[in-house]
Each structure stands twice: as structure tokens, then as C-alpha cells.
């Protein structure tokens, strides 16, 4: 069956299979190429007739992940200019009033797309939710701070997509008054920025942050240091005019070179303290404080404007940082002798390792390092954002604790995503061959319930009761402040440097 719906740009033809209808690669904005690469998004041009929407659309130009990460999650790369597109899965385009989930993918603001198999929205549509997956500009095109170009172009794309959802989702059976945004990693950091942004009021009504951080907003001066390094790599001036003359291949090459330089030499004097603190040595491009859509770090903005809070789910995996160090072999180089030096490079007093070792008596030095960096880059910022939200809106916090069967990775970054989407059959390179379906059923159902009516099934997170749902197999549980001692030690260790 090939149903047809009409959007603000024209009619599109989808495909129905097993009770779920898919509309794929639907442009929500004009192609950001040529002079438009460094401009604000514009409406997609209207088309005549009925446009086919049965195959994934283009993805933002990017380089593949390094081989060890690519082996776990693959890479993205569908050529084409119309990569500001959306995928929509719906139980019934003729329905009305269905809850809506809008997915914002991760990838460190330089990689990723809505076209991944583990982001397939079939299970959400099967369970009565209209799911939308969006793309946005990445890397230099989306987030480099460039003279003559608006800041945060990738975030502007996301806001533009949410406006498209508001105007069009009823045509797919969805309720524009019941929209939940959710994202993972850079997508979750985007969610925090969107909650705090003054321009997003009414565009969504709930939010889910998976493995994000509410502190991610780089100082503009620091961001310009990264852009200056990009320009120097390319032999140009750091202006929109000069960057705009280059194609995606040249931009990607320079972007990779600078990212490697930040990773191998995380010097705050060279790159700016906010870039090093926010990126943990693995990221170099971020949303930038522009006093427009990003007025400051989202947690601080939310504290100053508590009326912007929306009902929230926020959480992390138990062992986030292992994803970045174990496959690449970096963890193997961390010993009892090197651990203090490595922690100091990240601005952390090495005495924190003693507290973590006491809490984890069987952990190796590499496992201690990964636990500290997990808390620094993900968990502490997630808890702080949830606490800021909880002053005016219900907040619920989780930890995904089930470990993959792959050696050394534990409950690493990205691992919860196929469970949330109930796509574990497409994720064995990350989960191992026998991921527990019961756990996917549980966490997926929680996301569906939250999108439908705001319920979660576990106690809220407040400043008085820091309840955390531990998703695990064979049994999940809700506990109170499970990382209190370690987080307190980490905060003290950062303050003492």
C-alpha cells in the first residue's frame, strides 16, 4: 500500500507494511549548499505532483568513524544535497491526535544521521506513536564559529525541523500539541539547548536526554580558536566568505585534522578551557554561546529561567566512556602509574582516583579512569540539568546498566539506543549476539508511555530525593543517589585544580 499525504511543500507517497507507514527523506528545509551552507535554514522549495518518499534521503557529508568505532556502529554516508530531511513512521496517516516523538541523532556534532537501522521508528509506530527522525548540519557547516555566519546553524536546523513538525505532523496522524523530543549524545546535548532556548516555547512539550550533558555550550572566543585552526589548516581566513568557497571534502579533511590535534594535545591555552572541559578530548565543535538561541550553558539558563522547563527523562549508561577508550586501545595504556597524569590533563586532581578505587575495589586503573570521565562528561551534567528542571517540571533520571557481551565495553555509550527503539536485532555488533528482549520491552515501553501521557513508572528525581531508575537484566530497580560519593569527590577534585 502506498498512501499519499500533503505537506507544506507538496504531496508525498509513503509505504505501508505490517501496519506501519513510512515516509522517508522528506525535505523540511532547502538544501544548505553553495552560499546557503553558512546561512540560516529556509523553507524547502515546493514541488509539483507526488514526490516519492519510500527510501532514505541524503545525509550530511562526513567522514566515516575511526575503524574501531565503525566496527561497532557503522558510519553514515548517503550522497545528496537535500540532507535536511525527516523520516516519519506512523500507525495511520488517516488518524488524528497521536503522540509524537522527534529524534535528534548523536555523533559529536560532526557525524551521524537519521538513516541508521537502529533509529528505525517502526516499533514506536507499532505502539501508537508517530516518530520523526531529523537531520541537521554537522561539523564546520553546522557548528564552527565563523565571522559573517550565524552561530549554531545546526541548532537552527533542529528548530526549523520542529516548526515543520508543528505545521505538518497532523497530516501523518500526529498531535502537534503532544510532541516529545529525544536525542542521544550530541542529540541529547541538543535537547538540553532546545529546552533552554527562548525560541522553542510551544514546539515540544516533553523531552528525553540520553547520554547528554546540560553544561555543553562553548565560549564564543574559545570556539573561534578552533575555527582559526580550521582556517589555518585550509590556508584561508576564518570567514563565511572563504569557508563558503570550499566543498565538503576540504572541510572534512581540515575538521579531522583539528579534531586529532585537540585529542592529542588537550591544552586549554591553545584551544580554550571550555572546549577542553566540554569535549573531554573527543569533541572540538559544540553549540556556542551566542546570546540568541544559546544564552549560556543550558543548566545555567534553566536555573535563571525555570519557566522554560518541560517534563524530562534524562540519563546515562553506566560505563559511557569505555566506548571511546576500549575499542581504540587507549584504555590499555592507562596504568596505576599513568592514571594520575592522565586525570590531571583533564583538569581533575588525581586524588579523586583514590575515592573511586574505594567505591570500586575490583576495578583496574583503566576502569577507574573511564568511570571518572563518564561522570565528568555525562553523568554529573545530566544530574545537574535534571535538578534544574525539577524545580518547576517533573524530572526522571535513569542509568542503563546492562553490559554488552563484547569484552571490556560494559554498559558503554550508545548501547541503550537499540533497546529504546526496540531494534536490538540490528545491533549485534554492539550488543553481542544475545541481548535481552525483555529489557528492550521495558525501556521502550517507558519511552512510549512518557511520550503518550508523561508517565514513566518510577519515582521522580528531585533535589531532596535523587531517585534513579537502573535499567538492567534480569531485573531493574529504582535507587536513591547511587553515585553520590563518587560525584562529590569528582566535584571536589575539579574545584581543587
Protein backbone atom coordinates (compact mmCIF):
# COMPACT_ATOMS: atom_id res chain seq x y z
CA UNK A 1 0.00 0.00 0.00
CA UNK A 2 1.33 3.45 -0.90
CA UNK A 3 -0.58 6.19 0.95
CA UNK A 4 -0.22 9.86 -0.01
CA UNK A 5 -0.16 12.83 2.36
CA UNK A 6 0.23 16.52 1.64
CA UNK A 7 2.87 18.60 3.40
CA UNK A 8 3.50 22.35 3.20
CA UNK A 9 5.88 21.74 0.27
CA UNK A 10 3.78 19.22 -1.64
CA UNK A 11 2.37 15.72 -1.73
CA UNK A 12 4.48 12.68 -0.80
CA UNK A 13 3.99 8.96 -1.26
CA UNK A 14 4.94 6.55 1.51
CA UNK A 15 4.84 2.80 2.01
CA UNK A 16 2.81 0.69 4.43
CA UNK A 17 3.99 -2.65 5.74
CA UNK A 18 2.77 -4.68 8.73
CA UNK A 19 0.53 -1.87 9.90
CA UNK A 20 3.21 0.86 9.88
CA UNK A 21 3.50 3.57 7.22
CA UNK A 22 6.88 5.14 6.46
CA UNK A 23 7.62 8.43 4.73
CA UNK A 24 11.38 8.73 4.28
CA UNK A 25 13.74 11.51 3.19
CA UNK A 26 11.12 14.27 3.27
CA UNK A 27 12.80 17.72 2.93
CA UNK A 28 11.91 20.09 5.75
CA UNK A 29 14.29 22.84 4.56
CA UNK A 30 16.11 23.90 1.42
CA UNK A 31 19.39 22.21 0.57
CA UNK A 32 22.17 24.04 2.51
CA UNK A 33 24.69 24.14 -0.30
CA UNK A 34 26.59 26.94 -2.00
CA UNK A 35 26.03 30.30 -0.27
CA UNK A 36 23.31 28.69 1.89
CA UNK A 37 25.81 26.40 3.64
CA UNK A 38 26.54 29.13 6.20
CA UNK A 39 23.13 30.80 6.31
CA UNK A 40 20.02 30.18 8.37
CA UNK A 41 17.71 27.42 7.08
CA UNK A 42 14.99 28.28 4.59
CA UNK A 43 11.78 26.52 3.61
CA UNK A 44 12.08 23.64 1.17
CA UNK A 45 11.00 24.63 -2.34
CA UNK A 46 7.55 23.39 -3.29
CA UNK A 47 7.31 20.55 -5.80
CA UNK A 48 4.70 19.57 -8.35
CA UNK A 49 2.93 16.25 -8.35
CA UNK A 50 3.59 13.49 -5.83
CA UNK A 51 7.12 13.02 -4.53
CA UNK A 52 8.31 9.50 -3.69
CA UNK A 53 9.23 9.11 -0.01
CA UNK A 54 10.00 5.42 0.24
CA UNK A 55 13.81 5.47 0.54
CA UNK A 56 16.18 7.14 2.97
CA UNK A 57 17.30 10.62 1.93
CA UNK A 58 20.75 12.16 1.79
CA UNK A 59 22.90 12.59 4.90
CA UNK A 60 25.17 15.49 5.81
CA UNK A 61 28.67 14.99 4.35
CA UNK A 62 31.01 13.44 6.91
CA UNK A 63 33.94 11.10 7.26
CA UNK A 64 33.50 7.52 8.49
CA UNK A 65 34.11 6.81 12.15
CA UNK A 66 37.58 5.51 13.02
CA UNK A 67 37.78 1.79 12.30
CA UNK A 68 37.25 0.54 15.90
CA UNK A 69 34.06 2.62 16.31
CA UNK A 70 32.89 1.88 12.78
CA UNK A 71 33.09 -1.82 13.60
CA UNK A 72 30.65 -1.29 16.46
CA UNK A 73 28.08 1.09 15.00
CA UNK A 74 28.91 1.65 11.32
CA UNK A 75 29.06 5.06 9.61
CA UNK A 76 26.74 7.31 7.63
CA UNK A 77 27.04 8.45 4.03
CA UNK A 78 24.16 8.78 1.60
CA UNK A 79 25.16 11.37 -1.03
CA UNK A 80 22.93 14.29 -1.99
CA UNK A 81 22.26 17.94 -1.29
CA UNK A 82 18.79 17.65 0.30
CA UNK A 83 20.05 16.27 3.58
CA UNK A 84 17.88 18.50 5.77
CA UNK A 85 15.19 15.86 5.66
CA UNK A 86 12.90 13.96 8.00
CA UNK A 87 11.77 10.36 8.26
CA UNK A 88 8.27 9.72 9.60
CA UNK A 89 6.78 6.45 10.86
CA UNK A 90 3.08 6.45 11.69
CA UNK A 91 0.48 3.88 12.75
CA UNK A 92 -2.06 5.53 10.48
CA UNK A 93 -1.73 8.77 8.49
CA UNK A 94 -5.54 9.00 8.48
CA UNK A 95 -5.66 9.05 12.30
CA UNK A 96 -5.62 12.15 14.48
CA UNK A 97 -4.26 13.12 17.86
CA UNK A 98 -1.48 10.55 18.12
CA UNK A 99 1.52 11.35 20.36
CA UNK A 100 4.69 12.41 18.55
CA UNK A 101 8.37 11.66 19.20
CA UNK A 102 11.07 13.63 17.36
CA UNK A 103 14.54 12.00 17.33
CA UNK A 104 17.76 14.05 17.21
CA UNK A 105 20.72 11.80 16.40
CA UNK A 106 24.14 11.89 18.02
CA UNK A 107 27.64 11.86 16.57
CA UNK A 108 29.65 14.53 18.43
CA UNK A 109 28.11 17.26 16.22
CA UNK A 110 30.28 16.03 13.32
CA UNK A 111 28.78 12.65 12.35
CA UNK A 112 25.51 10.74 12.30
CA UNK A 113 22.16 10.83 10.51
CA UNK A 114 18.53 9.80 10.76
CA UNK A 115 19.11 6.90 8.35
CA UNK A 116 20.60 4.33 10.73
CA UNK A 117 18.84 0.99 11.10
CA UNK A 118 18.83 1.24 14.89
CA UNK A 119 16.87 4.53 14.60
CA UNK A 120 14.03 2.83 12.73
CA UNK A 121 10.75 4.09 14.17
CA UNK A 122 8.67 1.03 13.35
CA UNK A 123 8.34 -0.14 16.96
CA UNK A 124 7.19 3.29 18.12
CA UNK A 125 4.56 3.43 15.38
CA UNK A 126 3.54 -0.14 16.19
CA UNK A 127 2.86 1.08 19.73
CA UNK A 128 0.78 4.10 18.72
CA UNK A 129 3.35 6.89 18.41
CA UNK A 130 4.21 8.95 15.33
CA UNK A 131 8.01 9.07 15.24
CA UNK A 132 10.06 11.61 13.30
CA UNK A 133 13.84 11.40 12.79
CA UNK A 134 15.58 14.58 11.62
CA UNK A 135 18.94 15.54 10.15
CA UNK A 136 20.82 18.78 10.76
CA UNK A 137 24.04 20.42 9.59
CA UNK A 138 27.15 18.93 11.17
CA UNK A 139 30.78 19.84 11.64
CA UNK A 140 32.08 23.06 10.12
CA UNK A 141 28.82 23.63 8.25
CA UNK A 142 26.70 23.37 11.38
CA UNK A 143 28.78 24.43 14.36
CA UNK A 144 32.03 26.24 13.52
CA UNK A 145 32.03 29.82 14.84
CA UNK A 146 32.75 31.77 11.67
CA UNK A 147 32.83 35.52 11.05
CA UNK A 148 29.93 36.56 8.82
CA UNK A 149 27.81 33.50 9.55
CA UNK A 150 25.10 33.00 12.19
CA UNK A 151 26.16 30.84 15.12
CA UNK A 152 24.71 27.43 15.85
CA UNK A 153 23.40 26.71 12.38
CA UNK A 154 22.86 23.06 13.28
CA UNK A 155 20.62 24.05 16.19
CA UNK A 156 18.74 26.44 13.93
CA UNK A 157 18.13 23.47 11.62
CA UNK A 158 16.69 21.50 14.53
CA UNK A 159 14.35 24.34 15.50
CA UNK A 160 13.32 24.71 11.85
CA UNK A 161 12.53 20.98 11.77
CA UNK A 162 10.41 21.29 14.91
CA UNK A 163 8.44 24.10 13.27
CA UNK A 164 7.96 21.81 10.26
CA UNK A 165 6.64 19.14 12.63
CA UNK A 166 4.21 21.62 14.19
CA UNK A 167 2.89 22.59 10.75
CA UNK A 168 2.79 19.13 9.17
CA UNK A 169 2.51 16.35 11.73
CA UNK A 170 -1.30 16.32 11.73
CA UNK A 171 -1.10 15.12 8.11
CA UNK A 172 0.63 11.97 9.44
CA UNK A 173 -1.90 11.42 12.25
CA UNK A 174 0.11 13.20 14.95
CA UNK A 175 -0.90 15.78 17.54
CA UNK A 176 1.19 18.99 17.30
CA UNK A 177 0.16 19.68 20.89
CA UNK A 178 1.75 16.46 22.20
CA UNK A 179 5.34 16.42 20.94
CA UNK A 180 8.30 14.91 22.81
CA UNK A 181 11.86 15.49 21.61
CA UNK A 182 14.52 12.90 22.38
CA UNK A 183 18.16 12.51 21.47
CA UNK A 184 21.37 10.72 22.38
CA UNK A 185 24.90 12.08 22.93
CA UNK A 186 25.19 15.24 20.79
CA UNK A 187 21.46 14.80 20.18
CA UNK A 188 20.84 14.89 23.94
CA UNK A 189 23.08 17.94 24.31
CA UNK A 190 20.94 19.49 21.58
CA UNK A 191 17.81 18.59 23.55
CA UNK A 192 19.18 20.49 26.57
CA UNK A 193 19.97 23.51 24.39
CA UNK A 194 16.50 23.43 22.84
CA UNK A 195 14.78 23.29 26.24
CA UNK A 196 16.75 26.33 27.38
CA UNK A 197 16.30 28.30 24.14
CA UNK A 198 13.70 31.08 24.30
CA UNK A 199 12.62 30.45 20.69
CA UNK A 200 11.28 26.92 21.24
CA UNK A 201 8.29 27.60 23.50
CA UNK A 202 5.35 25.51 22.33
CA UNK A 203 7.32 23.50 19.77
CA UNK A 204 7.54 20.49 22.12
CA UNK A 205 6.03 19.53 25.44
CA UNK A 206 8.34 16.88 26.92
CA UNK A 207 11.96 15.87 26.42
CA UNK A 208 14.30 12.90 26.81
CA UNK A 209 18.09 13.23 27.12
CA UNK A 210 20.09 10.05 26.58
CA UNK A 211 23.79 10.32 27.43
CA UNK A 212 23.94 14.09 27.22
CA UNK A 213 25.10 16.95 29.41
CA UNK A 214 23.39 20.18 30.39
CA UNK A 215 26.64 22.17 30.52
CA UNK A 216 27.53 21.99 26.83
CA UNK A 217 27.87 25.48 25.39
CA UNK A 218 31.29 26.71 24.34
CA UNK A 219 32.51 30.21 24.95
CA UNK A 220 32.46 32.07 21.61
CA UNK A 221 36.08 33.17 21.94
CA UNK A 222 37.19 29.60 22.56
CA UNK A 223 35.11 28.39 19.61
CA UNK A 224 36.83 30.94 17.38
CA UNK A 225 40.19 29.40 18.32
CA UNK A 226 39.01 26.12 16.82
CA UNK A 227 37.74 27.93 13.72
CA UNK A 228 41.07 29.74 13.38
CA UNK A 229 42.84 26.38 13.47
CA UNK A 230 40.45 25.05 10.81
CA UNK A 231 41.16 28.10 8.63
CA UNK A 232 44.91 27.76 9.11
CA UNK A 233 44.70 24.11 8.10
CA UNK A 234 42.92 25.21 4.91
CA UNK A 235 45.09 28.27 4.26
CA UNK A 236 42.14 30.69 4.38
CA UNK A 237 40.78 33.38 6.69
CA UNK A 238 38.12 32.23 9.19
CA UNK A 239 35.22 33.95 7.42
CA UNK A 240 31.99 32.70 5.91
CA UNK A 241 33.11 34.05 2.54
CA UNK A 242 36.30 31.98 2.49
CA UNK A 243 34.81 28.86 4.07
CA UNK A 244 31.89 29.12 1.65
CA UNK A 245 34.20 28.73 -1.34
CA UNK A 246 35.20 25.22 -0.23
CA UNK A 247 33.47 21.92 -0.80
CA UNK A 248 32.59 19.33 1.85
CA UNK A 249 35.67 17.18 1.20
CA UNK A 250 38.06 20.03 2.03
CA UNK A 251 36.05 20.97 5.12
CA UNK A 252 36.00 17.38 6.38
CA UNK A 253 39.75 16.96 5.93
CA UNK A 254 40.51 20.07 7.96
CA UNK A 255 37.91 19.14 10.56
CA UNK A 256 39.52 15.75 11.11
CA UNK A 257 42.99 17.27 11.41
CA UNK A 258 41.88 19.76 14.05
CA UNK A 259 39.88 17.14 15.97
CA UNK A 260 43.02 14.97 16.13
CA UNK A 261 45.06 17.93 17.34
CA UNK A 262 42.57 18.63 20.14
CA UNK A 263 42.61 14.97 21.16
CA UNK A 264 46.39 14.60 21.22
CA UNK A 265 47.10 18.00 22.78
CA UNK A 266 44.17 18.99 25.05
CA UNK A 267 45.81 22.27 26.05
CA UNK A 268 43.32 24.86 27.41
CA UNK A 269 45.68 27.67 26.45
CA UNK A 270 45.66 26.58 22.84
CA UNK A 271 42.01 25.65 22.42
CA UNK A 272 40.22 27.46 25.22
CA UNK A 273 39.21 25.97 28.54
CA UNK A 274 35.56 25.48 27.61
CA UNK A 275 36.44 23.40 24.53
CA UNK A 276 38.67 21.08 26.56
CA UNK A 277 36.34 20.81 29.55
CA UNK A 278 33.26 20.13 27.42
CA UNK A 279 34.82 17.76 24.94
CA UNK A 280 36.86 15.50 27.16
CA UNK A 281 39.41 15.36 24.34
CA UNK A 282 36.95 13.63 21.99
CA UNK A 283 34.99 16.63 20.68
CA UNK A 284 36.01 20.00 19.27
CA UNK A 285 32.80 21.52 17.85
CA UNK A 286 29.82 22.39 20.03
CA UNK A 287 26.87 24.73 20.37
CA UNK A 288 28.28 28.20 21.08
CA UNK A 289 27.04 30.87 23.47
CA UNK A 290 25.57 33.40 21.04
CA UNK A 291 23.16 35.31 23.33
CA UNK A 292 20.40 34.28 20.94
CA UNK A 293 19.28 30.67 20.95
CA UNK A 294 22.14 29.72 23.30
CA UNK A 295 22.20 32.26 26.11
CA UNK A 296 24.63 30.20 28.17
CA UNK A 297 25.17 26.60 29.34
CA UNK A 298 21.65 25.10 29.32
CA UNK A 299 21.65 24.19 33.01
CA UNK A 300 22.54 27.75 33.99
CA UNK A 301 19.92 29.16 31.64
CA UNK A 302 17.28 26.84 33.05
CA UNK A 303 18.15 27.89 36.59
CA UNK A 304 17.67 31.51 35.55
CA UNK A 305 14.50 30.74 33.55
CA UNK A 306 12.76 27.82 35.31
CA UNK A 307 9.59 28.52 33.35
CA UNK A 308 11.28 27.01 30.28
CA UNK A 309 11.49 23.56 31.84
CA UNK A 310 9.38 20.71 30.44
CA UNK A 311 8.75 17.21 31.84
CA UNK A 312 12.02 15.34 31.41
CA UNK A 313 13.65 11.94 31.29
CA UNK A 314 17.45 12.16 31.45
CA UNK A 315 20.07 9.50 31.97
CA UNK A 316 23.32 7.83 31.02
CA UNK A 317 24.78 4.40 30.57
CA UNK A 318 26.83 3.06 33.46
CA UNK A 319 30.13 2.98 31.55
CA UNK A 320 29.79 5.68 28.88
CA UNK A 321 33.46 6.46 28.33
CA UNK A 322 34.59 2.91 27.68
CA UNK A 323 33.15 3.32 24.18
CA UNK A 324 35.85 5.89 23.41
CA UNK A 325 38.86 4.20 25.00
CA UNK A 326 38.47 0.43 24.88
CA UNK A 327 37.96 -0.16 21.11
CA UNK A 328 40.76 2.27 20.23
CA UNK A 329 43.19 0.59 22.64
CA UNK A 330 43.60 3.74 24.75
CA UNK A 331 42.39 2.06 27.91
CA UNK A 332 45.20 -0.48 27.73
CA UNK A 333 47.75 2.33 28.15
CA UNK A 334 46.33 3.51 31.49
CA UNK A 335 48.17 2.02 34.45
CA UNK A 336 48.45 2.87 38.11
CA UNK A 337 51.49 4.99 37.23
CA UNK A 338 49.91 6.88 34.31
CA UNK A 339 46.43 7.40 35.79
CA UNK A 340 47.29 10.48 37.92
CA UNK A 341 48.97 12.19 34.97
CA UNK A 342 46.08 11.46 32.61
CA UNK A 343 43.49 12.78 35.09
CA UNK A 344 45.48 15.97 35.56
CA UNK A 345 45.46 16.55 31.79
CA UNK A 346 41.68 16.65 32.02
CA UNK A 347 41.74 19.19 34.83
CA UNK A 348 41.00 16.67 37.58
CA UNK A 349 43.01 16.41 40.79
CA UNK A 350 44.46 12.90 40.82
CA UNK A 351 43.33 12.28 44.41
CA UNK A 352 39.84 11.56 43.05
CA UNK A 353 41.12 8.18 41.86
CA UNK A 354 41.51 7.04 45.49
CA UNK A 355 37.81 7.64 46.21
CA UNK A 356 36.71 5.85 43.05
CA UNK A 357 39.03 2.95 43.86
CA UNK A 358 37.49 2.62 47.32
CA UNK A 359 34.00 2.56 45.78
CA UNK A 360 35.14 0.07 43.11
CA UNK A 361 37.73 -2.16 44.86
CA UNK A 362 38.00 -4.62 41.96
CA UNK A 363 38.38 -2.01 39.22
CA UNK A 364 41.55 -1.65 37.16
CA UNK A 365 43.21 1.78 36.66
CA UNK A 366 41.67 1.94 33.17
CA UNK A 367 38.22 1.22 34.61
CA UNK A 368 38.73 3.95 37.22
CA UNK A 369 39.73 6.40 34.50
CA UNK A 370 36.67 5.55 32.43
CA UNK A 371 34.39 5.87 35.46
CA UNK A 372 35.77 9.32 36.28
CA UNK A 373 35.45 10.51 32.67
CA UNK A 374 31.94 9.05 32.43
CA UNK A 375 30.94 11.18 35.39
CA UNK A 376 32.81 14.25 34.16
CA UNK A 377 31.45 14.30 30.63
CA UNK A 378 27.99 12.77 31.05
CA UNK A 379 26.57 11.86 34.46
CA UNK A 380 27.31 14.97 36.52
CA UNK A 381 25.97 17.31 33.84
CA UNK A 382 22.89 15.13 33.39
CA UNK A 383 22.09 15.15 37.12
CA UNK A 384 22.60 18.92 37.31
CA UNK A 385 20.27 19.54 34.39
CA UNK A 386 17.62 17.23 35.83
CA UNK A 387 17.83 19.02 39.18
CA UNK A 388 17.42 22.40 37.48
CA UNK A 389 14.42 21.12 35.57
CA UNK A 390 12.87 19.54 38.66
CA UNK A 391 12.27 22.89 40.34
CA UNK A 392 9.29 23.53 38.04
CA UNK A 393 8.64 20.36 35.98
CA UNK A 394 8.79 16.63 36.76
CA UNK A 395 12.18 15.07 36.03
CA UNK A 396 13.03 11.38 35.93
CA UNK A 397 16.59 10.04 35.82
CA UNK A 398 17.83 6.63 34.68
CA UNK A 399 21.02 4.62 34.29
CA UNK A 400 21.33 1.89 31.69
CA UNK A 401 23.45 -0.74 33.42
CA UNK A 402 23.21 -3.91 31.33
CA UNK A 403 26.71 -4.68 29.95
CA UNK A 404 27.29 -5.81 26.40
CA UNK A 405 28.89 -9.21 25.98
CA UNK A 406 31.72 -7.60 23.99
CA UNK A 407 34.91 -7.65 26.08
CA UNK A 408 35.70 -4.61 28.19
CA UNK A 409 32.91 -2.32 27.00
CA UNK A 410 30.45 -2.81 29.86
CA UNK A 411 27.34 -0.63 29.60
CA UNK A 412 29.03 1.75 27.17
CA UNK A 413 27.94 4.83 25.21
CA UNK A 414 25.25 4.17 22.53
CA UNK A 415 24.37 0.75 23.98
CA UNK A 416 20.91 1.78 25.22
CA UNK A 417 19.80 3.17 21.83
CA UNK A 418 18.71 -0.09 20.15
CA UNK A 419 16.88 -1.03 23.35
CA UNK A 420 14.97 2.27 23.32
CA UNK A 421 14.00 1.78 19.66
CA UNK A 422 13.44 -1.98 20.10
CA UNK A 423 15.87 -2.60 17.26
CA UNK A 424 18.26 -4.95 19.05
CA UNK A 425 18.14 -7.40 16.14
CA UNK A 426 20.04 -4.80 14.08
CA UNK A 427 22.67 -4.05 16.74
CA UNK A 428 24.59 -7.26 17.44
CA UNK A 429 27.92 -5.66 16.53
CA UNK A 430 27.44 -3.54 19.67
CA UNK A 431 25.25 -5.62 21.95
CA UNK A 432 26.65 -9.06 21.22
CA UNK A 433 24.51 -11.92 19.87
CA UNK A 434 22.01 -12.37 22.72
CA UNK A 435 20.72 -9.00 24.01
CA UNK A 436 17.75 -9.43 26.38
CA UNK A 437 14.47 -8.67 24.62
CA UNK A 438 12.76 -8.20 27.98
CA UNK A 439 14.98 -5.18 28.69
CA UNK A 440 14.16 -3.67 25.30
CA UNK A 441 10.47 -4.21 26.02
CA UNK A 442 10.81 -2.42 29.36
CA UNK A 443 12.73 0.69 28.34
CA UNK A 444 10.90 1.08 25.02
CA UNK A 445 7.54 0.90 26.83
CA UNK A 446 8.70 3.58 29.28
CA UNK A 447 9.56 5.93 26.40
CA UNK A 448 6.18 5.24 24.75
CA UNK A 449 4.29 5.94 27.98
CA UNK A 450 6.20 9.17 28.56
CA UNK A 451 5.52 10.38 25.02
CA UNK A 452 1.86 9.45 25.35
CA UNK A 453 0.94 10.91 28.73
CA UNK A 454 4.09 11.86 30.65
CA UNK A 455 4.26 8.81 32.91
CA UNK A 456 7.42 6.76 33.43
CA UNK A 457 6.77 4.09 36.04
CA UNK A 458 9.44 5.20 38.52
CA UNK A 459 9.79 7.90 41.17
CA UNK A 460 10.88 11.40 40.10
CA UNK A 461 14.31 12.94 40.65
CA UNK A 462 14.26 15.94 43.00
CA UNK A 463 16.84 17.87 44.99
CA UNK A 464 15.58 16.04 48.10
CA UNK A 465 15.19 12.55 46.61
CA UNK A 466 17.62 11.82 43.79
CA UNK A 467 15.83 8.71 42.53
CA UNK A 468 17.44 6.89 39.62
CA UNK A 469 15.96 4.02 37.65
CA UNK A 470 18.61 1.38 36.97
CA UNK A 471 17.67 -0.43 33.77
CA UNK A 472 19.27 -3.88 33.91
CA UNK A 473 18.60 -7.52 33.23
CA UNK A 474 17.28 -9.75 34.70
CA UNK A 475 15.84 -7.07 36.99
CA UNK A 476 15.63 -3.28 37.05
CA UNK A 477 15.29 -1.23 40.23
CA UNK A 478 14.90 2.34 41.45
CA UNK A 479 17.62 3.50 43.85
CA UNK A 480 18.44 6.80 45.55
CA UNK A 481 21.59 8.73 44.58
CA UNK A 482 23.63 5.69 43.52
CA UNK A 483 26.77 7.71 42.63
CA UNK A 484 26.72 10.26 45.47
CA UNK A 485 30.18 9.56 46.91
CA UNK A 486 31.95 9.48 43.54
CA UNK A 487 30.24 12.59 42.18
CA UNK A 488 31.01 14.55 45.34
CA UNK A 489 34.66 13.51 45.09
CA UNK A 490 34.78 14.48 41.43
CA UNK A 491 33.34 17.93 42.05
CA UNK A 492 35.88 18.49 44.81
CA UNK A 493 38.73 17.28 42.61
CA UNK A 494 37.77 19.68 39.80
CA UNK A 495 37.42 22.59 42.22
CA UNK A 496 40.89 21.97 43.68
CA UNK A 497 42.72 22.22 40.33
